Full PDB file with SEQRES, HELIX, SHEET, SSBOND, CRYST1, ORIGX, SCALE, CONECT and MASTER records, all heavy atoms in Angstrom:
SEQRES   1 A   32  LEU PHE ASN LYS PHE LYS PRO LEU GLU PRO GLY ALA LEU          
SEQRES   2 A   32  LYS SER ALA ILE MET ALA TYR ALA ASN SER ILE ASP PHE          
SEQRES   3 A   32  SER LEU ASN ASN VAL PHE                                      
HELIX    1 AA1 ALA A   12  SER A   23  1                                  12    
CRYST1    1.000    1.000    1.000  90.00  90.00  90.00 P 1           1          
ORIGX1      1.000000  0.000000  0.000000        0.00000                         
ORIGX2      0.000000  1.000000  0.000000        0.00000                         
ORIGX3      0.000000  0.000000  1.000000        0.00000                         
SCALE1      1.000000  0.000000  0.000000        0.00000                         
SCALE2      0.000000  1.000000  0.000000        0.00000                         
SCALE3      0.000000  0.000000  1.000000        0.00000                         
ATOM      1  N   LEU A   1     -16.749 -38.774   8.713  1.00  0.00           N  
ATOM      2  CA  LEU A   1     -16.213 -37.774   7.793  1.00  0.00           C  
ATOM      3  C   LEU A   1     -17.128 -37.563   6.601  1.00  0.00           C  
ATOM      4  O   LEU A   1     -17.114 -36.506   5.965  1.00  0.00           O  
ATOM      5  CB  LEU A   1     -14.822 -38.203   7.296  1.00  0.00           C  
ATOM      6  CG  LEU A   1     -13.690 -38.257   8.325  1.00  0.00           C  
ATOM      7  CD1 LEU A   1     -12.436 -38.830   7.679  1.00  0.00           C  
ATOM      8  CD2 LEU A   1     -13.413 -36.870   8.901  1.00  0.00           C  
ATOM      9  N   PHE A   2     -17.937 -38.581   6.281  1.00  0.00           N  
ATOM     10  CA  PHE A   2     -18.775 -38.526   5.091  1.00  0.00           C  
ATOM     11  C   PHE A   2     -20.254 -38.316   5.409  1.00  0.00           C  
ATOM     12  O   PHE A   2     -20.993 -37.788   4.594  1.00  0.00           O  
ATOM     13  CB  PHE A   2     -18.604 -39.816   4.286  1.00  0.00           C  
ATOM     14  CG  PHE A   2     -17.228 -40.004   3.738  1.00  0.00           C  
ATOM     15  CD1 PHE A   2     -16.244 -40.664   4.467  1.00  0.00           C  
ATOM     16  CD2 PHE A   2     -16.898 -39.508   2.486  1.00  0.00           C  
ATOM     17  CE1 PHE A   2     -14.964 -40.836   3.958  1.00  0.00           C  
ATOM     18  CE2 PHE A   2     -15.625 -39.664   1.964  1.00  0.00           C  
ATOM     19  CZ  PHE A   2     -14.651 -40.322   2.707  1.00  0.00           C  
ATOM     20  N   ASN A   3     -20.673 -38.763   6.580  1.00  0.00           N  
ATOM     21  CA  ASN A   3     -22.081 -38.641   6.937  1.00  0.00           C  
ATOM     22  C   ASN A   3     -22.236 -38.251   8.403  1.00  0.00           C  
ATOM     23  O   ASN A   3     -21.338 -38.498   9.217  1.00  0.00           O  
ATOM     24  CB  ASN A   3     -22.824 -39.959   6.710  1.00  0.00           C  
ATOM     25  CG  ASN A   3     -22.992 -40.286   5.242  1.00  0.00           C  
ATOM     26  OD1 ASN A   3     -22.187 -41.010   4.656  1.00  0.00           O  
ATOM     27  ND2 ASN A   3     -24.048 -39.763   4.640  1.00  0.00           N  
ATOM     28  N   LYS A   4     -23.378 -37.682   8.723  1.00  0.00           N  
ATOM     29  CA  LYS A   4     -23.710 -37.381  10.110  1.00  0.00           C  
ATOM     30  C   LYS A   4     -24.471 -38.559  10.705  1.00  0.00           C  
ATOM     31  O   LYS A   4     -25.370 -39.111  10.078  1.00  0.00           O  
ATOM     32  CB  LYS A   4     -24.562 -36.112  10.193  1.00  0.00           C  
ATOM     33  CG  LYS A   4     -23.817 -34.846   9.795  1.00  0.00           C  
ATOM     34  CD  LYS A   4     -24.723 -33.630   9.895  1.00  0.00           C  
ATOM     35  CE  LYS A   4     -23.980 -32.360   9.486  1.00  0.00           C  
ATOM     36  NZ  LYS A   4     -24.865 -31.170   9.540  1.00  0.00           N  
ATOM     37  N   PHE A   5     -24.082 -38.921  11.929  1.00  0.00           N  
ATOM     38  CA  PHE A   5     -24.732 -40.023  12.630  1.00  0.00           C  
ATOM     39  C   PHE A   5     -25.339 -39.482  13.923  1.00  0.00           C  
ATOM     40  O   PHE A   5     -24.621 -39.076  14.831  1.00  0.00           O  
ATOM     41  CB  PHE A   5     -23.722 -41.132  12.941  1.00  0.00           C  
ATOM     42  CG  PHE A   5     -23.187 -41.810  11.716  1.00  0.00           C  
ATOM     43  CD1 PHE A   5     -22.124 -41.272  11.006  1.00  0.00           C  
ATOM     44  CD2 PHE A   5     -23.752 -42.985  11.256  1.00  0.00           C  
ATOM     45  CE1 PHE A   5     -21.626 -41.890   9.871  1.00  0.00           C  
ATOM     46  CE2 PHE A   5     -23.274 -43.615  10.121  1.00  0.00           C  
ATOM     47  CZ  PHE A   5     -22.211 -43.062   9.428  1.00  0.00           C  
ATOM     48  N   LYS A   6     -26.653 -39.468  13.967  1.00  0.00           N  
ATOM     49  CA  LYS A   6     -27.350 -38.955  15.148  1.00  0.00           C  
ATOM     50  C   LYS A   6     -27.975 -40.116  15.903  1.00  0.00           C  
ATOM     51  O   LYS A   6     -28.620 -40.977  15.294  1.00  0.00           O  
ATOM     52  CB  LYS A   6     -28.437 -37.962  14.750  1.00  0.00           C  
ATOM     53  CG  LYS A   6     -27.922 -36.696  14.099  1.00  0.00           C  
ATOM     54  CD  LYS A   6     -28.983 -35.592  14.100  1.00  0.00           C  
ATOM     55  CE  LYS A   6     -30.310 -36.079  13.592  1.00  0.00           C  
ATOM     56  NZ  LYS A   6     -31.329 -34.980  13.542  1.00  0.00           N  
ATOM     57  N   PRO A   7     -27.781 -40.172  17.226  1.00  0.00           N  
ATOM     58  CA  PRO A   7     -28.469 -41.210  18.009  1.00  0.00           C  
ATOM     59  C   PRO A   7     -29.979 -41.106  17.833  1.00  0.00           C  
ATOM     60  O   PRO A   7     -30.534 -40.008  17.742  1.00  0.00           O  
ATOM     61  CB  PRO A   7     -28.049 -40.890  19.453  1.00  0.00           C  
ATOM     62  CG  PRO A   7     -26.790 -40.097  19.336  1.00  0.00           C  
ATOM     63  CD  PRO A   7     -26.927 -39.306  18.066  1.00  0.00           C  
ATOM     64  N   LEU A   8     -30.603 -42.253  17.746  1.00  0.00           N  
ATOM     65  CA  LEU A   8     -32.054 -42.288  17.604  1.00  0.00           C  
ATOM     66  C   LEU A   8     -32.708 -41.654  18.831  1.00  0.00           C  
ATOM     67  O   LEU A   8     -32.376 -41.991  19.977  1.00  0.00           O  
ATOM     68  CB  LEU A   8     -32.515 -43.739  17.451  1.00  0.00           C  
ATOM     69  CG  LEU A   8     -34.015 -43.993  17.269  1.00  0.00           C  
ATOM     70  CD1 LEU A   8     -34.517 -43.332  15.998  1.00  0.00           C  
ATOM     71  CD2 LEU A   8     -34.286 -45.488  17.243  1.00  0.00           C  
ATOM     72  N   GLU A   9     -33.616 -40.738  18.581  1.00  0.00           N  
ATOM     73  CA  GLU A   9     -34.248 -40.019  19.682  1.00  0.00           C  
ATOM     74  C   GLU A   9     -35.231 -40.924  20.428  1.00  0.00           C  
ATOM     75  O   GLU A   9     -35.800 -41.861  19.855  1.00  0.00           O  
ATOM     76  CB  GLU A   9     -34.985 -38.796  19.130  1.00  0.00           C  
ATOM     77  CG  GLU A   9     -34.054 -37.747  18.526  1.00  0.00           C  
ATOM     78  CD  GLU A   9     -34.816 -36.546  17.994  1.00  0.00           C  
ATOM     79  OE1 GLU A   9     -36.064 -36.579  18.067  1.00  0.00           O  
ATOM     80  OE2 GLU A   9     -34.175 -35.598  17.514  1.00  0.00           O  
ATOM     81  N   PRO A  10     -35.449 -40.638  21.735  1.00  0.00           N  
ATOM     82  CA  PRO A  10     -36.416 -41.428  22.517  1.00  0.00           C  
ATOM     83  C   PRO A  10     -37.797 -41.376  21.877  1.00  0.00           C  
ATOM     84  O   PRO A  10     -38.211 -40.369  21.314  1.00  0.00           O  
ATOM     85  CB  PRO A  10     -36.412 -40.730  23.881  1.00  0.00           C  
ATOM     86  CG  PRO A  10     -35.082 -40.047  23.962  1.00  0.00           C  
ATOM     87  CD  PRO A  10     -34.766 -39.617  22.560  1.00  0.00           C  
ATOM     88  N   GLY A  11     -38.478 -42.497  21.955  1.00  0.00           N  
ATOM     89  CA  GLY A  11     -39.810 -42.579  21.369  1.00  0.00           C  
ATOM     90  C   GLY A  11     -40.204 -44.028  21.181  1.00  0.00           C  
ATOM     91  O   GLY A  11     -39.515 -44.958  21.648  1.00  0.00           O  
ATOM     92  N   ALA A  12     -41.294 -44.246  20.466  1.00  0.00           N  
ATOM     93  CA  ALA A  12     -41.821 -45.600  20.278  1.00  0.00           C  
ATOM     94  C   ALA A  12     -40.830 -46.488  19.540  1.00  0.00           C  
ATOM     95  O   ALA A  12     -40.653 -47.673  19.898  1.00  0.00           O  
ATOM     96  CB  ALA A  12     -43.147 -45.536  19.521  1.00  0.00           C  
ATOM     97  N   LEU A  13     -40.167 -45.953  18.505  1.00  0.00           N  
ATOM     98  CA  LEU A  13     -39.224 -46.761  17.727  1.00  0.00           C  
ATOM     99  C   LEU A  13     -38.033 -47.188  18.572  1.00  0.00           C  
ATOM    100  O   LEU A  13     -37.668 -48.370  18.592  1.00  0.00           O  
ATOM    101  CB  LEU A  13     -38.745 -45.976  16.500  1.00  0.00           C  
ATOM    102  CG  LEU A  13     -37.677 -46.668  15.634  1.00  0.00           C  
ATOM    103  CD1 LEU A  13     -38.175 -48.018  15.144  1.00  0.00           C  
ATOM    104  CD2 LEU A  13     -37.274 -45.769  14.459  1.00  0.00           C  
ATOM    105  N   LYS A  14     -37.438 -46.252  19.296  1.00  0.00           N  
ATOM    106  CA  LYS A  14     -36.285 -46.589  20.116  1.00  0.00           C  
ATOM    107  C   LYS A  14     -36.667 -47.582  21.211  1.00  0.00           C  
ATOM    108  O   LYS A  14     -35.917 -48.542  21.480  1.00  0.00           O  
ATOM    109  CB  LYS A  14     -35.683 -45.327  20.739  1.00  0.00           C  
ATOM    110  CG  LYS A  14     -34.422 -45.613  21.546  1.00  0.00           C  
ATOM    111  CD  LYS A  14     -33.744 -44.336  22.005  1.00  0.00           C  
ATOM    112  CE  LYS A  14     -32.452 -44.656  22.754  1.00  0.00           C  
ATOM    113  NZ  LYS A  14     -31.743 -43.432  23.184  1.00  0.00           N  
ATOM    114  N   SER A  15     -37.811 -47.398  21.830  1.00  0.00           N  
ATOM    115  CA  SER A  15     -38.261 -48.318  22.879  1.00  0.00           C  
ATOM    116  C   SER A  15     -38.449 -49.722  22.330  1.00  0.00           C  
ATOM    117  O   SER A  15     -38.058 -50.709  22.961  1.00  0.00           O  
ATOM    118  CB  SER A  15     -39.580 -47.817  23.487  1.00  0.00           C  
ATOM    119  OG  SER A  15     -39.397 -46.555  24.106  1.00  0.00           O  
ATOM    120  N   ALA A  16     -39.024 -49.827  21.123  1.00  0.00           N  
ATOM    121  CA  ALA A  16     -39.247 -51.136  20.507  1.00  0.00           C  
ATOM    122  C   ALA A  16     -37.926 -51.806  20.172  1.00  0.00           C  
ATOM    123  O   ALA A  16     -37.759 -53.024  20.385  1.00  0.00           O  
ATOM    124  CB  ALA A  16     -40.101 -50.976  19.251  1.00  0.00           C  
ATOM    125  N   ILE A  17     -36.977 -51.036  19.659  1.00  0.00           N  
ATOM    126  CA  ILE A  17     -35.669 -51.601  19.301  1.00  0.00           C  
ATOM    127  C   ILE A  17     -34.920 -52.067  20.546  1.00  0.00           C  
ATOM    128  O   ILE A  17     -34.354 -53.169  20.572  1.00  0.00           O  
ATOM    129  CB  ILE A  17     -34.837 -50.559  18.522  1.00  0.00           C  
ATOM    130  CG1 ILE A  17     -35.463 -50.297  17.146  1.00  0.00           C  
ATOM    131  CG2 ILE A  17     -33.392 -51.035  18.359  1.00  0.00           C  
ATOM    132  CD1 ILE A  17     -34.848 -49.126  16.410  1.00  0.00           C  
ATOM    133  N   MET A  18     -34.899 -51.227  21.585  1.00  0.00           N  
ATOM    134  CA  MET A  18     -34.175 -51.591  22.805  1.00  0.00           C  
ATOM    135  C   MET A  18     -34.824 -52.797  23.483  1.00  0.00           C  
ATOM    136  O   MET A  18     -34.125 -53.664  24.030  1.00  0.00           O  
ATOM    137  CB  MET A  18     -34.134 -50.400  23.754  1.00  0.00           C  
ATOM    138  CG  MET A  18     -33.435 -49.162  23.185  1.00  0.00           C  
ATOM    139  SD  MET A  18     -31.751 -49.456  22.570  1.00  0.00           S  
ATOM    140  CE  MET A  18     -30.881 -49.682  24.121  1.00  0.00           C  
ATOM    141  N   ALA A  19     -36.151 -52.871  23.435  1.00  0.00           N  
ATOM    142  CA  ALA A  19     -36.847 -54.022  24.025  1.00  0.00           C  
ATOM    143  C   ALA A  19     -36.488 -55.303  23.286  1.00  0.00           C  
ATOM    144  O   ALA A  19     -36.247 -56.353  23.904  1.00  0.00           O  
ATOM    145  CB  ALA A  19     -38.354 -53.793  23.991  1.00  0.00           C  
ATOM    146  N   TYR A  20     -36.426 -55.211  21.961  1.00  0.00           N  
ATOM    147  CA  TYR A  20     -36.042 -56.398  21.180  1.00  0.00           C  
ATOM    148  C   TYR A  20     -34.599 -56.789  21.474  1.00  0.00           C  
ATOM    149  O   TYR A  20     -34.287 -57.973  21.670  1.00  0.00           O  
ATOM    150  CB  TYR A  20     -36.213 -56.147  19.676  1.00  0.00           C  
ATOM    151  CG  TYR A  20     -35.603 -57.252  18.855  1.00  0.00           C  
ATOM    152  CD1 TYR A  20     -36.236 -58.485  18.731  1.00  0.00           C  
ATOM    153  CD2 TYR A  20     -34.362 -57.094  18.245  1.00  0.00           C  
ATOM    154  CE1 TYR A  20     -35.666 -59.521  18.019  1.00  0.00           C  
ATOM    155  CE2 TYR A  20     -33.776 -58.117  17.527  1.00  0.00           C  
ATOM    156  CZ  TYR A  20     -34.433 -59.328  17.417  1.00  0.00           C  
ATOM    157  OH  TYR A  20     -33.851 -60.355  16.723  1.00  0.00           O  
ATOM    158  N   ALA A  21     -33.693 -55.811  21.502  1.00  0.00           N  
ATOM    159  CA  ALA A  21     -32.280 -56.097  21.781  1.00  0.00           C  
ATOM    160  C   ALA A  21     -32.119 -56.785  23.134  1.00  0.00           C  
ATOM    161  O   ALA A  21     -31.354 -57.742  23.271  1.00  0.00           O  
ATOM    162  CB  ALA A  21     -31.464 -54.806  21.728  1.00  0.00           C  
ATOM    163  N   ASN A  22     -32.848 -56.324  24.134  1.00  0.00           N  
ATOM    164  CA  ASN A  22     -32.789 -56.954  25.457  1.00  0.00           C  
ATOM    165  C   ASN A  22     -33.323 -58.377  25.417  1.00  0.00           C  
ATOM    166  O   ASN A  22     -32.823 -59.271  26.122  1.00  0.00           O  
ATOM    167  CB  ASN A  22     -33.588 -56.125  26.469  1.00  0.00           C  
ATOM    168  CG  ASN A  22     -32.921 -54.797  26.793  1.00  0.00           C  
ATOM    169  OD1 ASN A  22     -31.700 -54.673  26.698  1.00  0.00           O  
ATOM    170  ND2 ASN A  22     -33.717 -53.795  27.153  1.00  0.00           N  
ATOM    171  N   SER A  23     -34.327 -58.620  24.577  1.00  0.00           N  
ATOM    172  CA  SER A  23     -34.940 -59.948  24.513  1.00  0.00           C  
ATOM    173  C   SER A  23     -33.991 -61.001  23.950  1.00  0.00           C  
ATOM    174  O   SER A  23     -34.147 -62.193  24.219  1.00  0.00           O  
ATOM    175  CB  SER A  23     -36.222 -59.900  23.678  1.00  0.00           C  
ATOM    176  OG  SER A  23     -35.926 -59.764  22.291  1.00  0.00           O  
ATOM    177  N   ILE A  24     -33.006 -60.573  23.145  1.00  0.00           N  
ATOM    178  CA  ILE A  24     -32.043 -61.529  22.582  1.00  0.00           C  
ATOM    179  C   ILE A  24     -30.663 -61.372  23.225  1.00  0.00           C  
ATOM    180  O   ILE A  24     -29.670 -61.894  22.717  1.00  0.00           O  
ATOM    181  CB  ILE A  24     -31.931 -61.376  21.058  1.00  0.00           C  
ATOM    182  CG1 ILE A  24     -31.442 -59.971  20.671  1.00  0.00           C  
ATOM    183  CG2 ILE A  24     -33.249 -61.703  20.370  1.00  0.00           C  
ATOM    184  CD1 ILE A  24     -31.063 -59.837  19.208  1.00  0.00           C  
ATOM    185  N   ASP A  25     -30.609 -60.609  24.337  1.00  0.00           N  
ATOM    186  CA  ASP A  25     -29.359 -60.400  25.069  1.00  0.00           C  
ATOM    187  C   ASP A  25     -28.289 -59.761  24.172  1.00  0.00           C  
ATOM    188  O   ASP A  25     -27.143 -60.194  24.136  1.00  0.00           O  
ATOM    189  CB  ASP A  25     -28.855 -61.727  25.646  1.00  0.00           C  
ATOM    190  CG  ASP A  25     -27.766 -61.516  26.699  1.00  0.00           C  
ATOM    191  OD1 ASP A  25     -27.770 -60.458  27.338  1.00  0.00           O  
ATOM    192  OD2 ASP A  25     -26.916 -62.421  26.856  1.00  0.00           O  
ATOM    193  N   PHE A  26     -28.682 -58.729  23.464  1.00  0.00           N  
ATOM    194  CA  PHE A  26     -27.774 -58.000  22.578  1.00  0.00           C  
ATOM    195  C   PHE A  26     -27.487 -56.646  23.208  1.00  0.00           C  
ATOM    196  O   PHE A  26     -28.376 -55.807  23.352  1.00  0.00           O  
ATOM    197  CB  PHE A  26     -28.431 -57.809  21.201  1.00  0.00           C  
ATOM    198  CG  PHE A  26     -27.545 -57.141  20.177  1.00  0.00           C  
ATOM    199  CD1 PHE A  26     -26.716 -57.889  19.357  1.00  0.00           C  
ATOM    200  CD2 PHE A  26     -27.554 -55.758  20.026  1.00  0.00           C  
ATOM    201  CE1 PHE A  26     -25.916 -57.271  18.403  1.00  0.00           C  
ATOM    202  CE2 PHE A  26     -26.754 -55.131  19.081  1.00  0.00           C  
ATOM    203  CZ  PHE A  26     -25.934 -55.902  18.263  1.00  0.00           C  
ATOM    204  N   SER A  27     -26.237 -56.443  23.629  1.00  0.00           N  
ATOM    205  CA  SER A  27     -25.884 -55.170  24.276  1.00  0.00           C  
ATOM    206  C   SER A  27     -25.897 -54.053  23.245  1.00  0.00           C  
ATOM    207  O   SER A  27     -25.203 -54.110  22.237  1.00  0.00           O  
ATOM    208  CB  SER A  27     -24.496 -55.267  24.925  1.00  0.00           C  
ATOM    209  OG  SER A  27     -23.509 -55.535  23.957  1.00  0.00           O  
ATOM    210  N   LEU A  28     -26.710 -53.058  23.504  1.00  0.00           N  
ATOM    211  CA  LEU A  28     -26.888 -51.984  22.544  1.00  0.00           C  
ATOM    212  C   LEU A  28     -27.081 -50.674  23.287  1.00  0.00           C  
ATOM    213  O   LEU A  28     -28.038 -50.502  24.036  1.00  0.00           O  
ATOM    214  CB  LEU A  28     -28.123 -52.266  21.670  1.00  0.00           C  
ATOM    215  CG  LEU A  28     -28.425 -51.285  20.549  1.00  0.00           C  
ATOM    216  CD1 LEU A  28     -27.313 -51.296  19.510  1.00  0.00           C  
ATOM    217  CD2 LEU A  28     -29.759 -51.640  19.890  1.00  0.00           C  
ATOM    218  N   ASN A  29     -26.122 -49.758  23.098  1.00  0.00           N  
ATOM    219  CA  ASN A  29     -26.222 -48.456  23.743  1.00  0.00           C  
ATOM    220  C   ASN A  29     -27.126 -47.513  22.970  1.00  0.00           C  
ATOM    221  O   ASN A  29     -27.854 -46.715  23.546  1.00  0.00           O  
ATOM    222  CB  ASN A  29     -24.831 -47.828  23.896  1.00  0.00           C  
ATOM    223  CG  ASN A  29     -23.960 -48.613  24.852  1.00  0.00           C  
ATOM    224  OD1 ASN A  29     -24.458 -49.187  25.821  1.00  0.00           O  
ATOM    225  ND2 ASN A  29     -22.664 -48.666  24.574  1.00  0.00           N  
ATOM    226  N   ASN A  30     -27.044 -47.630  21.627  1.00  0.00           N  
ATOM    227  CA  ASN A  30     -27.865 -46.735  20.823  1.00  0.00           C  
ATOM    228  C   ASN A  30     -27.916 -47.223  19.383  1.00  0.00           C  
ATOM    229  O   ASN A  30     -27.096 -48.035  18.952  1.00  0.00           O  
ATOM    230  CB  ASN A  30     -27.305 -45.308  20.844  1.00  0.00           C  
ATOM    231  CG  ASN A  30     -28.427 -44.277  20.842  1.00  0.00           C  
ATOM    232  OD1 ASN A  30     -29.456 -44.471  20.200  1.00  0.00           O  
ATOM    233  ND2 ASN A  30     -28.220 -43.194  21.567  1.00  0.00           N  
ATOM    234  N   VAL A  31     -28.899 -46.728  18.669  1.00  0.00           N  
ATOM    235  CA  VAL A  31     -29.023 -46.927  17.229  1.00  0.00           C  
ATOM    236  C   VAL A  31     -28.815 -45.565  16.590  1.00  0.00           C  
ATOM    237  O   VAL A  31     -29.267 -44.546  17.122  1.00  0.00           O  
ATOM    238  CB  VAL A  31     -30.417 -47.485  16.864  1.00  0.00           C  
ATOM    239  CG1 VAL A  31     -30.562 -47.617  15.349  1.00  0.00           C  
ATOM    240  CG2 VAL A  31     -30.642 -48.819  17.540  1.00  0.00           C  
ATOM    241  N   PHE A  32     -28.118 -45.550  15.450  1.00  0.00           N  
ATOM    242  CA  PHE A  32     -27.797 -44.280  14.814  1.00  0.00           C  
ATOM    243  C   PHE A  32     -28.586 -44.107  13.522  1.00  0.00           C  
ATOM    244  O   PHE A  32     -28.828 -45.060  12.786  1.00  0.00           O  
ATOM    245  CB  PHE A  32     -26.295 -44.199  14.526  1.00  0.00           C  
ATOM    246  CG  PHE A  32     -25.455 -44.103  15.760  1.00  0.00           C  
ATOM    247  CD1 PHE A  32     -25.039 -45.251  16.425  1.00  0.00           C  
ATOM    248  CD2 PHE A  32     -25.082 -42.870  16.273  1.00  0.00           C  
ATOM    249  CE1 PHE A  32     -24.273 -45.173  17.575  1.00  0.00           C  
ATOM    250  CE2 PHE A  32     -24.311 -42.777  17.419  1.00  0.00           C  
ATOM    251  CZ  PHE A  32     -23.908 -43.929  18.076  1.00  0.00           C  
TER     252      PHE A  32                                                      
MASTER        0    0    0    1    0    0    0    6  251    1    0    3          
END                                                                             
């Protein structure tokens, strides 16, 4: 209601974040 939350677009940053999340077994669908 106060802010817009957009899923992080595909790219180097998202790939790095998802790779790290997988390395620590952290289920993560998206970063906003």
